[in-house]
Amino acid sequence: METAEINDIFKAIPYLKKTGIQHFWFDFDEEADVLYINFERPQQATDTDFLEDNVFVRMKDDKLVGITITNVSKKFEKTP
Protein backbone atom coordinates (compact mmCIF):
# COMPACT_ATOMS: atom_id res chain seq x y z
CA MET A 1 0.00 0.00 0.00
CA GLU A 2 1.36 3.39 -0.97
CA THR A 3 1.79 6.29 1.43
CA ALA A 4 -0.79 8.34 -0.52
CA GLU A 5 -3.39 5.59 -0.03
CA ILE A 6 -2.67 5.47 3.69
CA ASN A 7 -3.04 9.26 3.88
CA ASP A 8 -6.43 8.99 2.14
CA ILE A 9 -7.55 6.49 4.78
CA PHE A 10 -6.39 8.85 7.55
CA LYS A 11 -8.42 11.68 5.98
CA ALA A 12 -11.56 9.56 6.40
CA ILE A 13 -11.04 8.96 10.13
CA PRO A 14 -12.63 12.24 11.38
CA TYR A 15 -15.76 11.47 9.34
CA LEU A 16 -15.93 7.93 10.67
CA LYS A 17 -15.53 9.16 14.26
CA LYS A 18 -18.23 11.79 13.71
CA THR A 19 -20.82 9.06 13.04
CA GLY A 20 -20.47 7.78 16.59
CA ILE A 21 -20.41 4.22 15.29
CA GLN A 22 -17.80 2.24 17.18
CA HIS A 23 -17.36 -0.79 14.92
CA PHE A 24 -16.98 -1.01 11.16
CA TRP A 25 -16.58 -4.06 8.94
CA PHE A 26 -15.58 -3.61 5.33
CA ASP A 27 -15.96 -6.43 2.82
CA PHE A 28 -15.11 -5.99 -0.85
CA ASP A 29 -16.34 -8.53 -3.39
CA GLU A 30 -13.93 -7.93 -6.25
CA GLU A 31 -15.75 -10.19 -8.70
CA ALA A 32 -19.10 -8.42 -8.14
CA ASP A 33 -17.40 -5.03 -7.57
CA VAL A 34 -19.45 -4.44 -4.42
CA LEU A 35 -18.31 -2.86 -1.15
CA TYR A 36 -20.23 -3.82 1.98
CA ILE A 37 -19.85 -1.56 5.03
CA ASN A 38 -21.43 -3.05 8.13
CA PHE A 39 -21.93 -1.44 11.52
CA GLU A 40 -23.33 -4.57 13.19
CA ARG A 41 -22.50 -8.24 12.89
CA PRO A 42 -24.71 -9.97 12.05
CA GLN A 43 -26.34 -7.11 10.20
CA GLN A 44 -29.86 -8.56 9.95
CA ALA A 45 -31.24 -5.56 8.05
CA THR A 46 -35.01 -5.33 7.80
CA ASP A 47 -35.16 -2.65 5.09
CA THR A 48 -33.05 -1.25 2.27
CA ASP A 49 -33.30 2.30 0.93
CA PHE A 50 -31.80 3.49 -2.34
CA LEU A 51 -29.72 6.56 -1.46
CA GLU A 52 -28.15 7.54 -4.78
CA ASP A 53 -26.54 5.98 -7.81
CA ASN A 54 -25.28 2.55 -6.71
CA VAL A 55 -25.61 3.23 -2.95
CA PHE A 56 -27.99 1.28 -0.75
CA VAL A 57 -28.61 2.05 2.91
CA ARG A 58 -29.39 -0.98 5.08
CA MET A 59 -31.67 -0.37 8.06
CA LYS A 60 -32.81 -2.48 11.02
CA ASP A 61 -35.98 -0.77 12.21
CA ASP A 62 -34.85 2.88 12.47
CA LYS A 63 -31.15 2.11 12.93
CA LEU A 64 -28.48 2.28 10.21
CA VAL A 65 -26.73 -1.10 10.13
CA GLY A 66 -24.91 -0.98 6.81
CA ILE A 67 -24.21 0.54 3.43
CA THR A 68 -23.80 -1.36 0.16
CA ILE A 69 -22.07 0.28 -2.81
CA THR A 70 -22.26 -1.44 -6.18
CA ASN A 71 -19.87 -0.72 -9.07
CA VAL A 72 -17.54 0.66 -6.42
CA SER A 73 -14.45 0.66 -8.66
CA LYS A 74 -16.12 2.96 -11.18
CA LYS A 75 -17.58 5.20 -8.47
CA PHE A 76 -14.21 5.80 -6.82
CA GLU A 77 -11.75 5.38 -9.65
CA LYS A 78 -8.85 7.80 -9.59
CA THR A 79 -8.96 10.82 -11.84
CA PRO A 80 -5.90 11.35 -14.07
PDB file of N, CA and C in Angstrom:
ATOM      1  N   MET A   1       0.860  -1.177   0.000  1.00  0.00           N
ATOM      2  CA  MET A   1       0.000   0.000   0.000  1.00  0.00           C
ATOM      3  C   MET A   1       0.900   1.233   0.000  1.00  0.00           C
ATOM      4  N   GLU A   2       0.567   2.170  -0.849  1.00  0.00           N
ATOM      5  CA  GLU A   2       1.364   3.385  -0.968  1.00  0.00           C
ATOM      6  C   GLU A   2       1.023   4.390   0.127  1.00  0.00           C
ATOM      7  N   THR A   3       1.980   5.268   0.415  1.00  0.00           N
ATOM      8  CA  THR A   3       1.786   6.292   1.435  1.00  0.00           C
ATOM      9  C   THR A   3       0.582   7.169   1.121  1.00  0.00           C
ATOM     10  N   ALA A   4       0.359   7.496  -0.142  1.00  0.00           N
ATOM     11  CA  ALA A   4      -0.786   8.337  -0.525  1.00  0.00           C
ATOM     12  C   ALA A   4      -2.103   7.644  -0.176  1.00  0.00           C
ATOM     13  N   GLU A   5      -2.178   6.339  -0.368  1.00  0.00           N
ATOM     14  CA  GLU A   5      -3.388   5.589  -0.030  1.00  0.00           C
ATOM     15  C   GLU A   5      -3.621   5.592   1.471  1.00  0.00           C
ATOM     16  N   ILE A   6      -2.557   5.444   2.229  1.00  0.00           N
ATOM     17  CA  ILE A   6      -2.670   5.474   3.687  1.00  0.00           C
ATOM     18  C   ILE A   6      -3.142   6.851   4.144  1.00  0.00           C
ATOM     19  N   ASN A   7      -2.614   7.902   3.540  1.00  0.00           N
ATOM     20  CA  ASN A   7      -3.038   9.260   3.882  1.00  0.00           C
ATOM     21  C   ASN A   7      -4.513   9.473   3.573  1.00  0.00           C
ATOM     22  N   ASP A   8      -5.006   8.897   2.477  1.00  0.00           N
ATOM     23  CA  ASP A   8      -6.433   8.993   2.143  1.00  0.00           C
ATOM     24  C   ASP A   8      -7.290   8.319   3.214  1.00  0.00           C
ATOM     25  N   ILE A   9      -6.828   7.183   3.715  1.00  0.00           N
ATOM     26  CA  ILE A   9      -7.554   6.493   4.783  1.00  0.00           C
ATOM     27  C   ILE A   9      -7.583   7.364   6.039  1.00  0.00           C
ATOM     28  N   PHE A  10      -6.448   7.968   6.374  1.00  0.00           N
ATOM     29  CA  PHE A  10      -6.389   8.852   7.547  1.00  0.00           C
ATOM     30  C   PHE A  10      -7.335  10.041   7.411  1.00  0.00           C
ATOM     31  N   LYS A  11      -7.502  10.546   6.204  1.00  0.00           N
ATOM     32  CA  LYS A  11      -8.420  11.675   5.982  1.00  0.00           C
ATOM     33  C   LYS A  11      -9.869  11.295   6.297  1.00  0.00           C
ATOM     34  N   ALA A  12     -10.188  10.017   6.140  1.00  0.00           N
ATOM     35  CA  ALA A  12     -11.563   9.555   6.401  1.00  0.00           C
ATOM     36  C   ALA A  12     -11.854   9.388   7.886  1.00  0.00           C
ATOM     37  N   ILE A  13     -10.839   9.257   8.707  1.00  0.00           N
ATOM     38  CA  ILE A  13     -11.040   8.960  10.125  1.00  0.00           C
ATOM     39  C   ILE A  13     -11.925   9.979  10.844  1.00  0.00           C
ATOM     40  N   PRO A  14     -11.736  11.297  10.680  1.00  0.00           N
ATOM     41  CA  PRO A  14     -12.627  12.241  11.375  1.00  0.00           C
ATOM     42  C   PRO A  14     -14.102  12.044  11.012  1.00  0.00           C
ATOM     43  N   TYR A  15     -14.383  11.697   9.766  1.00  0.00           N
ATOM     44  CA  TYR A  15     -15.765  11.470   9.339  1.00  0.00           C
ATOM     45  C   TYR A  15     -16.321  10.199   9.959  1.00  0.00           C
ATOM     46  N   LEU A  16     -15.497   9.171  10.053  1.00  0.00           N
ATOM     47  CA  LEU A  16     -15.927   7.925  10.671  1.00  0.00           C
ATOM     48  C   LEU A  16     -16.195   8.134  12.164  1.00  0.00           C
ATOM     49  N   LYS A  17     -15.323   8.889  12.835  1.00  0.00           N
ATOM     50  CA  LYS A  17     -15.526   9.163  14.259  1.00  0.00           C
ATOM     51  C   LYS A  17     -16.790   9.980  14.493  1.00  0.00           C
ATOM     52  N   LYS A  18     -17.071  10.900  13.574  1.00  0.00           N
ATOM     53  CA  LYS A  18     -18.229  11.788  13.713  1.00  0.00           C
ATOM     54  C   LYS A  18     -19.546  11.017  13.721  1.00  0.00           C
ATOM     55  N   THR A  19     -19.584   9.846  13.085  1.00  0.00           N
ATOM     56  CA  THR A  19     -20.815   9.057  13.037  1.00  0.00           C
ATOM     57  C   THR A  19     -21.189   8.507  14.406  1.00  0.00           C
ATOM     58  N   GLY A  20     -20.212   8.362  15.281  1.00  0.00           N
ATOM     59  CA  GLY A  20     -20.471   7.780  16.590  1.00  0.00           C
ATOM     60  C   GLY A  20     -20.512   6.267  16.574  1.00  0.00           C
ATOM     61  N   ILE A  21     -20.404   5.678  15.412  1.00  0.00           N
ATOM     62  CA  ILE A  21     -20.407   4.224  15.292  1.00  0.00           C
ATOM     63  C   ILE A  21     -19.044   3.701  15.734  1.00  0.00           C
ATOM     64  N   GLN A  22     -19.046   2.707  16.594  1.00  0.00           N
ATOM     65  CA  GLN A  22     -17.798   2.235  17.180  1.00  0.00           C
ATOM     66  C   GLN A  22     -17.145   1.080  16.431  1.00  0.00           C
ATOM     67  N   HIS A  23     -17.919   0.351  15.634  1.00  0.00           N
ATOM     68  CA  HIS A  23     -17.360  -0.791  14.922  1.00  0.00           C
ATOM     69  C   HIS A  23     -17.739  -0.709  13.446  1.00  0.00           C
ATOM     70  N   PHE A  24     -16.776  -0.993  12.602  1.00  0.00           N
ATOM     71  CA  PHE A  24     -16.984  -1.008  11.160  1.00  0.00           C
ATOM     72  C   PHE A  24     -16.394  -2.295  10.610  1.00  0.00           C
ATOM     73  N   TRP A  25     -17.105  -2.922   9.684  1.00  0.00           N
ATOM     74  CA  TRP A  25     -16.579  -4.059   8.944  1.00  0.00           C
ATOM     75  C   TRP A  25     -16.696  -3.725   7.473  1.00  0.00           C
ATOM     76  N   PHE A  26     -15.601  -3.876   6.758  1.00  0.00           N
ATOM     77  CA  PHE A  26     -15.577  -3.612   5.326  1.00  0.00           C
ATOM     78  C   PHE A  26     -15.303  -4.921   4.608  1.00  0.00           C
ATOM     79  N   ASP A  27     -16.146  -5.244   3.651  1.00  0.00           N
ATOM     80  CA  ASP A  27     -15.957  -6.431   2.821  1.00  0.00           C
ATOM     81  C   ASP A  27     -16.086  -5.996   1.370  1.00  0.00           C
ATOM     82  N   PHE A  28     -15.077  -6.330   0.570  1.00  0.00           N
ATOM     83  CA  PHE A  28     -15.112  -5.989  -0.849  1.00  0.00           C
ATOM     84  C   PHE A  28     -15.159  -7.274  -1.657  1.00  0.00           C
ATOM     85  N   ASP A  29     -16.201  -7.404  -2.471  1.00  0.00           N
ATOM     86  CA  ASP A  29     -16.343  -8.532  -3.389  1.00  0.00           C
ATOM     87  C   ASP A  29     -15.819  -8.058  -4.737  1.00  0.00           C
ATOM     88  N   GLU A  30     -14.584  -8.419  -5.033  1.00  0.00           N
ATOM     89  CA  GLU A  30     -13.928  -7.929  -6.245  1.00  0.00           C
ATOM     90  C   GLU A  30     -14.645  -8.402  -7.511  1.00  0.00           C
ATOM     91  N   GLU A  31     -15.083  -9.645  -7.514  1.00  0.00           N
ATOM     92  CA  GLU A  31     -15.753 -10.192  -8.695  1.00  0.00           C
ATOM     93  C   GLU A  31     -17.056  -9.441  -8.998  1.00  0.00           C
ATOM     94  N   ALA A  32     -17.834  -9.138  -7.960  1.00  0.00           N
ATOM     95  CA  ALA A  32     -19.100  -8.420  -8.139  1.00  0.00           C
ATOM     96  C   ALA A  32     -18.908  -6.912  -8.115  1.00  0.00           C
ATOM     97  N   ASP A  33     -17.719  -6.454  -7.696  1.00  0.00           N
ATOM     98  CA  ASP A  33     -17.397  -5.034  -7.566  1.00  0.00           C
ATOM     99  C   ASP A  33     -18.368  -4.330  -6.611  1.00  0.00           C
ATOM    100  N   VAL A  34     -18.531  -4.952  -5.439  1.00  0.00           N
ATOM    101  CA  VAL A  34     -19.447  -4.438  -4.421  1.00  0.00           C
ATOM    102  C   VAL A  34     -18.689  -4.274  -3.101  1.00  0.00           C
ATOM    103  N   LEU A  35     -18.879  -3.117  -2.462  1.00  0.00           N
ATOM    104  CA  LEU A  35     -18.312  -2.856  -1.148  1.00  0.00           C
ATOM    105  C   LEU A  35     -19.439  -2.883  -0.124  1.00  0.00           C
ATOM    106  N   TYR A  36     -19.264  -3.718   0.895  1.00  0.00           N
ATOM    107  CA  TYR A  36     -20.226  -3.815   1.981  1.00  0.00           C
ATOM    108  C   TYR A  36     -19.608  -3.169   3.215  1.00  0.00           C
ATOM    109  N   ILE A  37     -20.284  -2.195   3.791  1.00  0.00           N
ATOM    110  CA  ILE A  37     -19.846  -1.559   5.028  1.00  0.00           C
ATOM    111  C   ILE A  37     -20.905  -1.891   6.073  1.00  0.00           C
ATOM    112  N   ASN A  38     -20.493  -2.601   7.101  1.00  0.00           N
ATOM    113  CA  ASN A  38     -21.431  -3.045   8.132  1.00  0.00           C
ATOM    114  C   ASN A  38     -21.078  -2.416   9.469  1.00  0.00           C
ATOM    115  N   PHE A  39     -22.113  -2.044  10.206  1.00  0.00           N
ATOM    116  CA  PHE A  39     -21.934  -1.441  11.521  1.00  0.00           C
ATOM    117  C   PHE A  39     -22.376  -2.385  12.628  1.00  0.00           C
ATOM    118  N   GLU A  40     -22.938  -3.520  12.257  1.00  0.00           N
ATOM    119  CA  GLU A  40     -23.332  -4.572  13.192  1.00  0.00           C
ATOM    120  C   GLU A  40     -23.028  -5.909  12.540  1.00  0.00           C
ATOM    121  N   ARG A  41     -22.675  -6.885  13.364  1.00  0.00           N
ATOM    122  CA  ARG A  41     -22.502  -8.242  12.892  1.00  0.00           C
ATOM    123  C   ARG A  41     -23.237  -9.153  13.832  1.00  0.00           C
ATOM    124  N   PRO A  42     -24.166  -9.963  13.404  1.00  0.00           N
ATOM    125  CA  PRO A  42     -24.705  -9.974  12.046  1.00  0.00           C
ATOM    126  C   PRO A  42     -25.583  -8.747  11.807  1.00  0.00           C
ATOM    127  N   GLN A  43     -25.629  -8.336  10.558  1.00  0.00           N
ATOM    128  CA  GLN A  43     -26.340  -7.107  10.200  1.00  0.00           C
ATOM    129  C   GLN A  43     -27.848  -7.239  10.373  1.00  0.00           C
ATOM    130  N   GLN A  44     -28.425  -8.279   9.854  1.00  0.00           N
ATOM    131  CA  GLN A  44     -29.861  -8.558   9.947  1.00  0.00           C
ATOM    132  C   GLN A  44     -30.731  -7.340   9.611  1.00  0.00           C
ATOM    133  N   ALA A  45     -30.447  -6.715   8.492  1.00  0.00           N
ATOM    134  CA  ALA A  45     -31.239  -5.565   8.054  1.00  0.00           C
ATOM    135  C   ALA A  45     -32.674  -5.981   7.759  1.00  0.00           C
ATOM    136  N   THR A  46     -33.596  -5.080   8.060  1.00  0.00           N
ATOM    137  CA  THR A  46     -35.013  -5.335   7.796  1.00  0.00           C
ATOM    138  C   THR A  46     -35.533  -4.503   6.633  1.00  0.00           C
ATOM    139  N   ASP A  47     -34.721  -3.536   6.173  1.00  0.00           N
ATOM    140  CA  ASP A  47     -35.157  -2.652   5.090  1.00  0.00           C
ATOM    141  C   ASP A  47     -33.935  -2.128   4.354  1.00  0.00           C
ATOM    142  N   THR A  48     -34.108  -1.838   3.079  1.00  0.00           N
ATOM    143  CA  THR A  48     -33.050  -1.254   2.270  1.00  0.00           C
ATOM    144  C   THR A  48     -33.611  -0.047   1.545  1.00  0.00           C
ATOM    145  N   ASP A  49     -32.919   1.080   1.643  1.00  0.00           N
ATOM    146  CA  ASP A  49     -33.301   2.298   0.929  1.00  0.00           C
ATOM    147  C   ASP A  49     -32.246   2.612  -0.113  1.00  0.00           C
ATOM    148  N   PHE A  50     -32.689   3.080  -1.276  1.00  0.00           N
ATOM    149  CA  PHE A  50     -31.796   3.491  -2.344  1.00  0.00           C
ATOM    150  C   PHE A  50     -31.428   4.945  -2.095  1.00  0.00           C
ATOM    151  N   LEU A  51     -30.152   5.214  -1.802  1.00  0.00           N
ATOM    152  CA  LEU A  51     -29.719   6.562  -1.458  1.00  0.00           C
ATOM    153  C   LEU A  51     -29.381   7.389  -2.687  1.00  0.00           C
ATOM    154  N   GLU A  52     -28.535   6.878  -3.542  1.00  0.00           N
ATOM    155  CA  GLU A  52     -28.149   7.539  -4.781  1.00  0.00           C
ATOM    156  C   GLU A  52     -27.594   6.482  -5.707  1.00  0.00           C
ATOM    157  N   ASP A  53     -27.050   6.904  -6.821  1.00  0.00           N
ATOM    158  CA  ASP A  53     -26.536   5.979  -7.813  1.00  0.00           C
ATOM    159  C   ASP A  53     -25.613   4.932  -7.184  1.00  0.00           C
ATOM    160  N   ASN A  54     -26.049   3.705  -7.183  1.00  0.00           N
ATOM    161  CA  ASN A  54     -25.277   2.549  -6.715  1.00  0.00           C
ATOM    162  C   ASN A  54     -25.038   2.497  -5.209  1.00  0.00           C
ATOM    163  N   VAL A  55     -25.781   3.250  -4.409  1.00  0.00           N
ATOM    164  CA  VAL A  55     -25.611   3.232  -2.953  1.00  0.00           C
ATOM    165  C   VAL A  55     -26.917   2.816  -2.298  1.00  0.00           C
ATOM    166  N   PHE A  56     -26.833   1.792  -1.457  1.00  0.00           N
ATOM    167  CA  PHE A  56     -27.995   1.278  -0.753  1.00  0.00           C
ATOM    168  C   PHE A  56     -27.744   1.368   0.752  1.00  0.00           C
ATOM    169  N   VAL A  57     -28.700   1.905   1.468  1.00  0.00           N
ATOM    170  CA  VAL A  57     -28.611   2.048   2.914  1.00  0.00           C
ATOM    171  C   VAL A  57     -29.408   0.911   3.543  1.00  0.00           C
ATOM    172  N   ARG A  58     -28.766   0.179   4.438  1.00  0.00           N
ATOM    173  CA  ARG A  58     -29.391  -0.976   5.080  1.00  0.00           C
ATOM    174  C   ARG A  58     -29.813  -0.585   6.487  1.00  0.00           C
ATOM    175  N   MET A  59     -31.097  -0.782   6.782  1.00  0.00           N
ATOM    176  CA  MET A  59     -31.669  -0.373   8.064  1.00  0.00           C
ATOM    177  C   MET A  59     -32.202  -1.597   8.820  1.00  0.00           C
ATOM    178  N   LYS A  60     -32.177  -1.506  10.131  1.00  0.00           N
ATOM    179  CA  LYS A  60     -32.813  -2.478  11.017  1.00  0.00           C
ATOM    180  C   LYS A  60     -33.727  -1.649  11.911  1.00  0.00           C
ATOM    181  N   ASP A  61     -35.014  -1.682  11.596  1.00  0.00           N
ATOM    182  CA  ASP A  61     -35.985  -0.774  12.208  1.00  0.00           C
ATOM    183  C   ASP A  61     -35.576   0.660  11.833  1.00  0.00           C
ATOM    184  N   ASP A  62     -35.255   1.510  12.784  1.00  0.00           N
ATOM    185  CA  ASP A  62     -34.847   2.883  12.470  1.00  0.00           C
ATOM    186  C   ASP A  62     -33.345   3.098  12.613  1.00  0.00           C
ATOM    187  N   LYS A  63     -32.585   2.019  12.685  1.00  0.00           N
ATOM    188  CA  LYS A  63     -31.149   2.113  12.935  1.00  0.00           C
ATOM    189  C   LYS A  63     -30.355   1.731  11.690  1.00  0.00           C
ATOM    190  N   LEU A  64     -29.376   2.558  11.335  1.00  0.00           N
ATOM    191  CA  LEU A  64     -28.484   2.276  10.215  1.00  0.00           C
ATOM    192  C   LEU A  64     -27.552   1.135  10.606  1.00  0.00           C
ATOM    193  N   VAL A  65     -27.584   0.040   9.833  1.00  0.00           N
ATOM    194  CA  VAL A  65     -26.730  -1.104  10.135  1.00  0.00           C
ATOM    195  C   VAL A  65     -25.731  -1.405   9.027  1.00  0.00           C
ATOM    196  N   GLY A  66     -25.868  -0.739   7.876  1.00  0.00           N
ATOM    197  CA  GLY A  66     -24.910  -0.975   6.808  1.00  0.00           C
ATOM    198  C   GLY A  66     -25.157  -0.154   5.573  1.00  0.00           C
ATOM    199  N   ILE A  67     -24.142  -0.145   4.723  1.00  0.00           N
ATOM    200  CA  ILE A  67     -24.208   0.535   3.427  1.00  0.00           C
ATOM    201  C   ILE A  67     -23.628  -0.428   2.396  1.00  0.00           C
ATOM    202  N   THR A  68     -24.283  -0.536   1.265  1.00  0.00           N
ATOM    203  CA  THR A  68     -23.797  -1.356   0.163  1.00  0.00           C
ATOM    204  C   THR A  68     -23.581  -0.445  -1.038  1.00  0.00           C
ATOM    205  N   ILE A  69     -22.389  -0.532  -1.637  1.00  0.00           N
ATOM    206  CA  ILE A  69     -22.072   0.283  -2.806  1.00  0.00           C
ATOM    207  C   ILE A  69     -21.732  -0.659  -3.949  1.00  0.00           C
ATOM    208  N   THR A  70     -22.523  -0.603  -5.009  1.00  0.00           N
ATOM    209  CA  THR A  70     -22.263  -1.436  -6.183  1.00  0.00           C
ATOM    210  C   THR A  70     -21.442  -0.639  -7.189  1.00  0.00           C
ATOM    211  N   ASN A  71     -20.763  -1.353  -8.075  1.00  0.00           N
ATOM    212  CA  ASN A  71     -19.873  -0.722  -9.065  1.00  0.00           C
ATOM    213  C   ASN A  71     -18.906   0.229  -8.379  1.00  0.00           C
ATOM    214  N   VAL A  72     -18.368  -0.214  -7.256  1.00  0.00           N
ATOM    215  CA  VAL A  72     -17.541   0.656  -6.421  1.00  0.00           C
ATOM    216  C   VAL A  72     -16.268   1.107  -7.134  1.00  0.00           C
ATOM    217  N   SER A  73     -15.682   0.275  -7.965  1.00  0.00           N
ATOM    218  CA  SER A  73     -14.451   0.660  -8.657  1.00  0.00           C
ATOM    219  C   SER A  73     -14.682   1.844  -9.590  1.00  0.00           C
ATOM    220  N   LYS A  74     -15.807   1.841 -10.283  1.00  0.00           N
ATOM    221  CA  LYS A  74     -16.124   2.957 -11.183  1.00  0.00           C
ATOM    222  C   LYS A  74     -16.471   4.211 -10.393  1.00  0.00           C
ATOM    223  N   LYS A  75     -17.155   4.050  -9.274  1.00  0.00           N
ATOM    224  CA  LYS A  75     -17.584   5.196  -8.474  1.00  0.00           C
ATOM    225  C   LYS A  75     -16.398   5.931  -7.869  1.00  0.00           C
ATOM    226  N   PHE A  76     -15.335   5.195  -7.511  1.00  0.00           N
ATOM    227  CA  PHE A  76     -14.206   5.800  -6.820  1.00  0.00           C
ATOM    228  C   PHE A  76     -12.901   5.697  -7.591  1.00  0.00           C
ATOM    229  N   GLU A  77     -12.992   5.494  -8.895  1.00  0.00           N
ATOM    230  CA  GLU A  77     -11.751   5.376  -9.650  1.00  0.00           C
ATOM    231  C   GLU A  77     -10.999   6.710  -9.638  1.00  0.00           C
ATOM    232  N   LYS A  78      -9.696   6.602  -9.664  1.00  0.00           N
ATOM    233  CA  LYS A  78      -8.851   7.799  -9.589  1.00  0.00           C
ATOM    234  C   LYS A  78      -8.997   8.633 -10.862  1.00  0.00           C
ATOM    235  N   THR A  79      -8.942   9.929 -10.678  1.00  0.00           N
ATOM    236  CA  THR A  79      -8.956  10.820 -11.840  1.00  0.00           C
ATOM    237  C   THR A  79      -7.518  11.048 -12.266  1.00  0.00           C
ATOM    238  N   PRO A  80      -7.292  11.185 -13.579  1.00  0.00           N
ATOM    239  CA  PRO A  80      -5.904  11.353 -14.071  1.00  0.00           C
ATOM    240  C   PRO A  80      -5.285  12.644 -13.621  1.00  0.00           C
TER     241      PRO A  80
END
